[in-house]
Amino acid sequence: MLQPGRVPAAARAVALLRYLASTGRPSTASAMAKALSLPRTSVLGICDALADDRMLVRLADGRFWLGSHVLELAAASTAMLGRPLGVGLLIVSRANSFYTAMLRAATREMSAAGGQLLVRDAQESPRTQRDQWHELIDDGADIIIIDSVDAGTHTEELDHARRAGVPVIAIGSRLDGVDMSVTSDNTQAGLLAGRRVAEVLRGRGRVAILDGLRKNANIDRVAGFREAIRDSGGIEIAAYCQEEHDTSAAGQRMMARVLADVPDVDAVFAVCDPIAMGAAAAQRDTEAAIPIVSVDGRSDAVDDIVSGGPLIASVAQDPARLITAAITIGRELARGRSLAQRAHLIPVRIIDADNAEGYERWG
């Protein structure tokens, strides 16, 4: 059956090719016209045009059969399915051990499966990352995997990828318009962190939020944390600080401002472990002892938790699992296989002094 909304001649040509492929034998224009409920003259004209382009061949008895060009296209498709693919990976910053752990896992995955890993480090610069995205496509990457530095739109980059036939997968932080997002459940991470804070404060107190890069992962974590705090009923968000970096230095600066300007803060939520570690350092400088809950599950953060804080818990991600899933999904998309869903969430769990011993660390 012809699909509505298509160019009629193109739709009929596709229908004819599919009919011949499904029957497995040559056919006359009359037989095809009858089977497809099309005018015989129209079918004959299309068959002649396809024969001119070697998509069909006219046999000596007047019947039509699939031509050599169809076989060439099939061979090219088969070669595509079998050849190793180039994976372009756009990361936020190698200075963050989340990405070094991800790169180690990506290297292992590509070594096992074959193909080339093309890595670009944006060093937390949105402009740099956008330029690198174009560069990877122009360099022949078959798949783009990106943890976006910011939550802004990427219309130009996505259009470039679509024109080149390159699927785009967001990793770590969701991104509008991509073919697939593979992320930790960041909203759940914020909820778990907020519930732990509410538990520690027994439902009453004043908290500070230390936020970083304006990317969707951080936005979702803060939203989840705020939701958990609202549910507690008796906890006030006394301070919200944000810097354009997910770094220890940023965390140290923000924590110093909170200690100087906001009295009686009872707990701190940091959107990531680097910020949490900076906040912990700022507290030690002033001999403060305010419990901090964070997201990531980095090895150094777990060390701080086990040693008695001030970091008391971190909601753990799994960078190796994230990148392995993204590469697997990317291969499926690059080879023309459609996927039913547009998001793949990796579960998270909270790590504290009670369960840290059995936790498989990263970073």
Protein backbone atom coordinates (compact mmCIF):
# COMPACT_ATOMS: atom_id res chain seq x y z
CA MET A 1 0.00 0.00 0.00
CA LEU A 2 1.25 3.48 -0.85
CA GLN A 3 1.90 5.79 2.10
CA PRO A 4 -0.05 9.10 2.11
CA GLY A 5 1.94 12.31 1.96
CA ARG A 6 4.79 10.94 -0.15
CA VAL A 7 5.78 12.07 -3.64
CA PRO A 8 3.59 9.77 -5.80
CA ALA A 9 6.25 8.73 -8.32
CA ALA A 10 8.81 8.01 -5.59
CA ALA A 11 6.25 6.07 -3.53
CA ARG A 12 5.27 3.99 -6.58
CA ALA A 13 8.91 3.26 -7.44
CA VAL A 14 9.55 2.04 -3.90
CA ALA A 15 6.37 -0.07 -4.03
CA LEU A 16 7.51 -1.71 -7.27
CA LEU A 17 10.96 -2.55 -5.89
CA ARG A 18 9.45 -3.96 -2.70
CA TYR A 19 6.98 -6.04 -4.70
CA LEU A 20 9.71 -7.64 -6.80
CA ALA A 21 11.86 -8.27 -3.71
CA SER A 22 8.96 -9.88 -1.85
CA THR A 23 7.89 -12.16 -4.72
CA GLY A 24 11.45 -13.25 -5.50
CA ARG A 25 10.85 -13.54 -9.25
CA PRO A 26 10.61 -11.30 -12.37
CA SER A 27 7.23 -9.80 -13.23
CA THR A 28 5.47 -8.01 -16.08
CA ALA A 29 4.27 -4.42 -15.81
CA SER A 30 0.68 -5.68 -16.09
CA ALA A 31 1.07 -8.10 -13.18
CA MET A 32 2.66 -5.44 -10.98
CA ALA A 33 -0.03 -2.91 -11.89
CA LYS A 34 -2.74 -5.38 -10.89
CA ALA A 35 -1.02 -6.41 -7.63
CA LEU A 36 -0.43 -2.79 -6.58
CA SER A 37 -3.70 -1.33 -7.93
CA LEU A 38 -1.83 1.11 -10.17
CA PRO A 39 -2.36 2.16 -13.81
CA ARG A 40 -0.41 -0.08 -16.18
CA THR A 41 0.97 2.88 -18.16
CA SER A 42 2.25 4.48 -14.96
CA VAL A 43 3.93 1.25 -13.85
CA LEU A 44 5.52 0.77 -17.27
CA GLY A 45 6.90 4.33 -17.24
CA ILE A 46 8.39 3.91 -13.78
CA CYS A 47 9.92 0.53 -14.70
CA ASP A 48 11.54 2.06 -17.78
CA ALA A 49 12.96 4.91 -15.66
CA LEU A 50 14.30 2.49 -13.06
CA ALA A 51 15.82 0.35 -15.80
CA ASP A 52 17.63 3.40 -17.16
CA ASP A 53 19.25 3.83 -13.72
CA ARG A 54 20.04 0.08 -13.42
CA MET A 55 17.63 -0.32 -10.49
CA LEU A 56 15.68 -2.73 -12.71
CA VAL A 57 16.58 -4.77 -15.77
CA ARG A 58 14.20 -5.67 -18.61
CA LEU A 59 14.50 -9.33 -19.53
CA ALA A 60 14.22 -10.69 -23.09
CA ASP A 61 10.59 -11.77 -22.50
CA GLY A 62 9.56 -8.24 -21.36
CA ARG A 63 9.47 -8.97 -17.65
CA PHE A 64 11.32 -6.79 -15.13
CA TRP A 65 13.75 -7.87 -12.40
CA LEU A 66 16.00 -6.16 -9.83
CA GLY A 67 19.03 -4.58 -11.49
CA SER A 68 22.72 -4.36 -10.70
CA HIS A 69 22.41 -1.01 -8.93
CA VAL A 70 20.16 -2.59 -6.29
CA LEU A 71 22.83 -5.20 -5.66
CA GLU A 72 25.48 -2.50 -5.33
CA LEU A 73 23.39 -0.67 -2.75
CA ALA A 74 22.77 -3.91 -0.85
CA ALA A 75 26.51 -4.64 -0.82
CA ALA A 76 27.23 -1.14 0.49
CA SER A 77 24.64 -1.61 3.23
CA THR A 78 26.15 -4.96 4.21
CA ALA A 79 29.61 -3.44 4.35
CA MET A 80 28.30 -0.67 6.58
CA LEU A 81 26.80 -3.20 8.97
CA GLY A 82 30.08 -5.02 9.29
CA ARG A 83 32.71 -2.29 9.35
CA PRO A 84 34.05 -0.74 12.56
CA LEU A 85 32.55 2.66 13.28
CA GLY A 86 34.16 5.92 14.34
CA VAL A 87 32.73 7.22 17.62
CA GLY A 88 33.08 10.93 18.33
CA LEU A 89 32.97 11.64 22.07
CA LEU A 90 32.51 15.21 23.30
CA ILE A 91 33.26 15.58 27.02
CA VAL A 92 33.04 18.53 29.39
CA SER A 93 36.54 18.35 30.91
CA ARG A 94 39.30 15.79 31.41
CA ALA A 95 40.07 17.55 34.70
CA ASN A 96 36.94 15.89 36.13
CA SER A 97 37.55 12.24 37.06
CA PHE A 98 34.01 11.37 35.94
CA TYR A 99 35.22 11.85 32.38
CA THR A 100 38.56 10.12 32.85
CA ALA A 101 36.66 7.09 34.16
CA MET A 102 34.31 7.33 31.18
CA LEU A 103 37.24 7.54 28.75
CA ARG A 104 38.89 4.45 30.22
CA ALA A 105 35.67 2.48 29.77
CA ALA A 106 35.14 3.85 26.23
CA THR A 107 38.69 2.86 25.27
CA ARG A 108 38.13 -0.69 26.56
CA GLU A 109 34.81 -0.95 24.71
CA MET A 110 36.26 0.28 21.41
CA SER A 111 39.32 -1.96 21.73
CA ALA A 112 37.08 -5.00 22.19
CA ALA A 113 34.63 -4.16 19.40
CA GLY A 114 36.88 -2.36 16.94
CA GLY A 115 36.57 1.13 15.55
CA GLN A 116 38.09 4.52 16.28
CA LEU A 117 37.41 6.67 19.34
CA LEU A 118 37.68 10.39 18.59
CA VAL A 119 37.69 12.43 21.82
CA ARG A 120 37.30 16.19 22.21
CA ASP A 121 37.61 18.04 25.54
CA ALA A 122 35.61 21.29 25.76
CA GLN A 123 37.33 22.39 29.00
CA GLU A 124 33.89 23.58 30.19
CA SER A 125 33.51 25.99 27.24
CA PRO A 126 30.17 25.86 25.35
CA ARG A 127 31.66 27.65 22.33
CA THR A 128 34.59 25.25 22.15
CA GLN A 129 32.28 22.25 22.36
CA ARG A 130 30.06 23.50 19.53
CA ASP A 131 33.11 23.95 17.30
CA GLN A 132 34.35 20.48 18.23
CA TRP A 133 30.96 18.96 17.33
CA HIS A 134 31.24 20.33 13.77
CA GLU A 135 34.86 19.21 13.61
CA LEU A 136 34.04 15.60 14.52
CA ILE A 137 31.33 15.38 11.86
CA ASP A 138 33.64 16.87 9.25
CA ASP A 139 36.34 14.38 10.30
CA GLY A 140 34.02 11.48 9.47
CA ALA A 141 32.64 10.34 12.83
CA ASP A 142 29.79 7.84 12.36
CA ILE A 143 28.30 8.57 15.80
CA ILE A 144 28.39 11.62 18.07
CA ILE A 145 28.17 11.09 21.84
CA ILE A 146 28.02 14.33 23.81
CA ASP A 147 27.83 15.41 27.42
CA SER A 148 26.78 18.99 26.79
CA VAL A 149 28.50 21.77 28.72
CA ASP A 150 25.28 23.79 28.80
CA ALA A 151 21.52 23.31 28.61
CA GLY A 152 21.08 25.54 25.56
CA THR A 153 19.70 24.49 22.19
CA HIS A 154 21.99 22.89 19.63
CA THR A 155 19.88 23.36 16.51
CA GLU A 156 22.76 24.17 14.16
CA GLU A 157 24.89 21.23 15.34
CA LEU A 158 21.99 18.79 15.20
CA ASP A 159 21.05 19.95 11.70
CA HIS A 160 24.67 19.43 10.60
CA ALA A 161 24.63 15.91 12.04
CA ARG A 162 21.34 15.03 10.34
CA ARG A 163 22.58 16.27 6.97
CA ALA A 164 25.63 14.03 7.40
CA GLY A 165 23.51 11.07 8.53
CA VAL A 166 25.25 10.94 11.92
CA PRO A 167 23.13 9.93 14.94
CA VAL A 168 23.64 11.97 18.10
CA ILE A 169 23.45 10.56 21.63
CA ALA A 170 23.42 12.73 24.73
CA ILE A 171 25.25 11.14 27.63
CA GLY A 172 25.33 12.16 31.27
CA SER A 173 23.03 15.14 30.71
CA ARG A 174 19.84 14.99 28.63
CA LEU A 175 19.66 17.20 25.54
CA ASP A 176 16.67 18.19 23.42
CA GLY A 177 16.55 17.06 19.79
CA VAL A 178 19.04 14.19 19.97
CA ASP A 179 18.34 10.66 18.75
CA MET A 180 18.82 9.19 22.24
CA SER A 181 19.73 10.34 25.75
CA VAL A 182 21.71 7.96 27.99
CA THR A 183 21.90 9.46 31.47
CA SER A 184 21.88 8.70 35.13
CA ASP A 185 18.47 9.31 36.69
CA ASN A 186 19.49 12.79 37.82
CA THR A 187 16.11 13.80 39.19
CA GLN A 188 16.14 10.66 41.33
CA ALA A 189 19.67 11.53 42.44
CA GLY A 190 18.45 14.91 43.69
CA LEU A 191 15.49 13.27 45.43
CA LEU A 192 17.73 10.76 47.22
CA ALA A 193 20.10 13.53 48.30
CA GLY A 194 17.21 15.66 49.58
CA ARG A 195 15.69 12.79 51.51
CA ARG A 196 19.03 12.05 53.16
CA VAL A 197 19.33 15.72 54.19
CA ALA A 198 15.77 15.66 55.55
CA GLU A 199 16.59 12.50 57.48
CA VAL A 200 19.76 13.98 58.99
CA LEU A 201 17.94 17.19 59.97
CA ARG A 202 14.89 15.27 61.19
CA GLY A 203 12.67 17.33 58.93
CA ARG A 204 13.64 20.79 60.22
CA GLY A 205 16.49 23.18 59.42
CA ARG A 206 18.19 25.47 56.90
CA VAL A 207 20.08 24.21 53.85
CA ALA A 208 22.33 25.66 51.15
CA ILE A 209 22.51 24.50 47.51
CA LEU A 210 25.84 24.74 45.68
CA ASP A 211 25.23 24.52 41.92
CA GLY A 212 27.62 24.42 38.97
CA LEU A 213 27.48 24.33 35.17
CA ARG A 214 24.11 25.23 33.63
CA LYS A 215 23.60 21.79 32.14
CA ASN A 216 20.52 19.63 32.34
CA ALA A 217 22.07 17.04 34.68
CA ASN A 218 22.61 19.72 37.32
CA ILE A 219 19.22 21.31 36.67
CA ASP A 220 17.50 17.95 37.20
CA ARG A 221 19.45 17.23 40.39
CA VAL A 222 18.54 20.58 41.92
CA ALA A 223 14.89 20.09 40.92
CA GLY A 224 14.82 16.65 42.58
CA PHE A 225 16.48 18.03 45.71
CA ARG A 226 14.00 20.92 45.95
CA GLU A 227 11.11 18.48 45.58
CA ALA A 228 12.39 16.33 48.45
CA ILE A 229 12.86 19.42 50.65
CA ARG A 230 9.31 20.62 49.89
CA ASP A 231 7.98 17.21 50.87
CA SER A 232 9.78 17.43 54.23
CA GLY A 233 7.69 20.46 55.22
CA GLY A 234 10.02 21.94 57.82
CA ILE A 235 13.24 22.62 55.89
CA GLU A 236 14.11 26.02 54.40
CA ILE A 237 16.48 26.64 51.50
CA ALA A 238 18.47 29.47 53.04
CA ALA A 239 21.02 29.92 50.24
CA TYR A 240 21.44 29.05 46.58
CA CYS A 241 24.84 29.65 44.98
CA GLN A 242 25.95 28.91 41.43
CA GLU A 243 29.21 29.17 39.52
CA GLU A 244 29.86 28.25 35.90
CA HIS A 245 32.20 25.40 36.84
CA ASP A 246 31.87 21.90 38.30
CA THR A 247 35.18 22.18 40.15
CA SER A 248 36.61 22.00 43.64
CA ALA A 249 37.69 25.64 43.43
CA ALA A 250 34.12 26.70 42.64
CA GLY A 251 32.81 24.67 45.57
CA GLN A 252 35.36 26.20 47.91
CA ARG A 253 34.41 29.75 46.86
CA MET A 254 30.67 29.12 47.19
CA MET A 255 31.00 27.45 50.59
CA ALA A 256 33.15 30.36 51.84
CA ARG A 257 30.40 32.81 50.81
CA VAL A 258 27.73 30.75 52.56
CA LEU A 259 29.78 30.56 55.77
CA ALA A 260 30.38 34.32 55.67
CA ASP A 261 26.93 35.53 54.66
CA VAL A 262 24.29 32.98 55.68
CA PRO A 263 23.89 32.25 59.41
CA ASP A 264 22.84 28.94 60.88
CA VAL A 265 23.05 26.68 57.80
CA ASP A 266 22.44 23.11 58.94
CA ALA A 267 23.26 21.14 55.77
CA VAL A 268 24.62 21.57 52.21
CA PHE A 269 23.65 19.98 48.89
CA ALA A 270 26.36 20.06 46.20
CA VAL A 271 25.36 19.07 42.65
CA CYS A 272 28.55 17.08 42.11
CA ASP A 273 31.45 15.64 44.09
CA PRO A 274 34.11 18.13 42.89
CA ILE A 275 31.99 21.00 44.26
CA ALA A 276 31.36 18.99 47.44
CA MET A 277 35.07 18.39 47.96
CA GLY A 278 35.77 22.11 47.60
CA ALA A 279 32.99 22.86 50.09
CA ALA A 280 34.51 20.37 52.53
CA ALA A 281 37.91 22.07 52.19
CA ALA A 282 36.34 25.48 52.90
CA GLN A 283 34.72 24.10 56.03
CA ARG A 284 38.00 22.68 57.29
CA ASP A 285 39.61 26.09 56.79
CA THR A 286 37.09 27.61 59.21
CA GLU A 287 36.61 24.57 61.45
CA ALA A 288 32.94 24.36 60.44
CA ALA A 289 31.16 21.01 60.56
CA ILE A 290 28.10 21.22 58.31
CA PRO A 291 27.03 17.90 56.70
CA ILE A 292 27.27 17.81 52.90
CA VAL A 293 25.38 15.50 50.54
CA SER A 294 26.42 15.30 46.88
CA VAL A 295 26.06 13.38 43.59
CA ASP A 296 28.67 11.26 41.76
CA GLY A 297 30.16 8.58 44.04
CA ARG A 298 33.79 9.44 43.22
CA SER A 299 36.52 7.59 45.07
CA ASP A 300 37.87 10.67 46.86
CA ALA A 301 34.34 11.62 47.96
CA VAL A 302 33.83 8.14 49.39
CA ASP A 303 37.14 8.50 51.26
CA ASP A 304 35.80 11.70 52.85
CA ILE A 305 32.55 9.96 53.78
CA VAL A 306 34.35 7.02 55.40
CA SER A 307 36.74 9.30 57.31
CA GLY A 308 33.90 11.18 58.98
CA GLY A 309 33.02 14.02 56.66
CA PRO A 310 31.90 16.72 56.40
CA LEU A 311 30.70 14.88 53.28
CA ILE A 312 28.26 12.29 54.65
CA ALA A 313 26.75 10.80 51.47
CA SER A 314 27.02 10.87 47.67
CA VAL A 315 24.49 9.54 45.16
CA ALA A 316 26.54 7.29 42.90
CA GLN A 317 26.66 7.35 39.11
CA ASP A 318 28.35 4.73 36.92
CA PRO A 319 30.36 6.42 34.10
CA ALA A 320 31.53 3.08 32.65
CA ARG A 321 27.97 1.79 32.35
CA LEU A 322 26.82 5.08 30.82
CA ILE A 323 29.41 5.13 28.02
CA THR A 324 29.12 1.41 27.26
CA ALA A 325 25.35 1.76 26.84
CA ALA A 326 25.78 4.90 24.70
CA ILE A 327 28.28 3.23 22.33
CA THR A 328 26.07 0.14 21.97
CA ILE A 329 23.00 2.26 21.21
CA GLY A 330 25.02 4.45 18.85
CA ARG A 331 26.08 1.44 16.79
CA GLU A 332 22.45 0.36 16.47
CA LEU A 333 21.40 3.82 15.27
CA ALA A 334 24.35 4.22 12.89
CA ARG A 335 23.42 0.94 11.22
CA GLY A 336 19.87 2.06 10.58
CA ARG A 337 18.09 0.26 13.38
CA SER A 338 15.29 2.23 14.99
CA LEU A 339 14.78 2.18 18.76
CA ALA A 340 11.41 2.37 20.46
CA GLN A 341 12.40 4.88 23.15
CA ARG A 342 14.37 8.13 23.17
CA ALA A 343 15.78 7.93 26.70
CA HIS A 344 17.81 5.33 28.58
CA LEU A 345 18.13 5.98 32.33
CA ILE A 346 20.83 4.37 34.47
CA PRO A 347 19.71 3.85 38.10
CA VAL A 348 21.51 5.62 40.95
CA ARG A 349 21.99 4.78 44.64
CA ILE A 350 23.18 6.62 47.71
CA ILE A 351 26.56 5.78 49.21
CA ASP A 352 27.28 6.51 52.86
CA ALA A 353 29.48 5.18 55.65
CA ASP A 354 27.20 2.17 56.13
CA ASN A 355 27.52 0.74 52.60
CA ALA A 356 30.76 2.28 51.26
CA GLU A 357 32.80 -0.87 51.91
CA GLY A 358 30.97 -2.88 49.24
CA TYR A 359 30.81 -0.05 46.70
CA GLU A 360 32.87 -0.41 43.49
CA ARG A 361 34.61 2.94 43.29
CA TRP A 362 35.62 4.93 40.24
CA GLY A 363 37.76 8.03 39.70
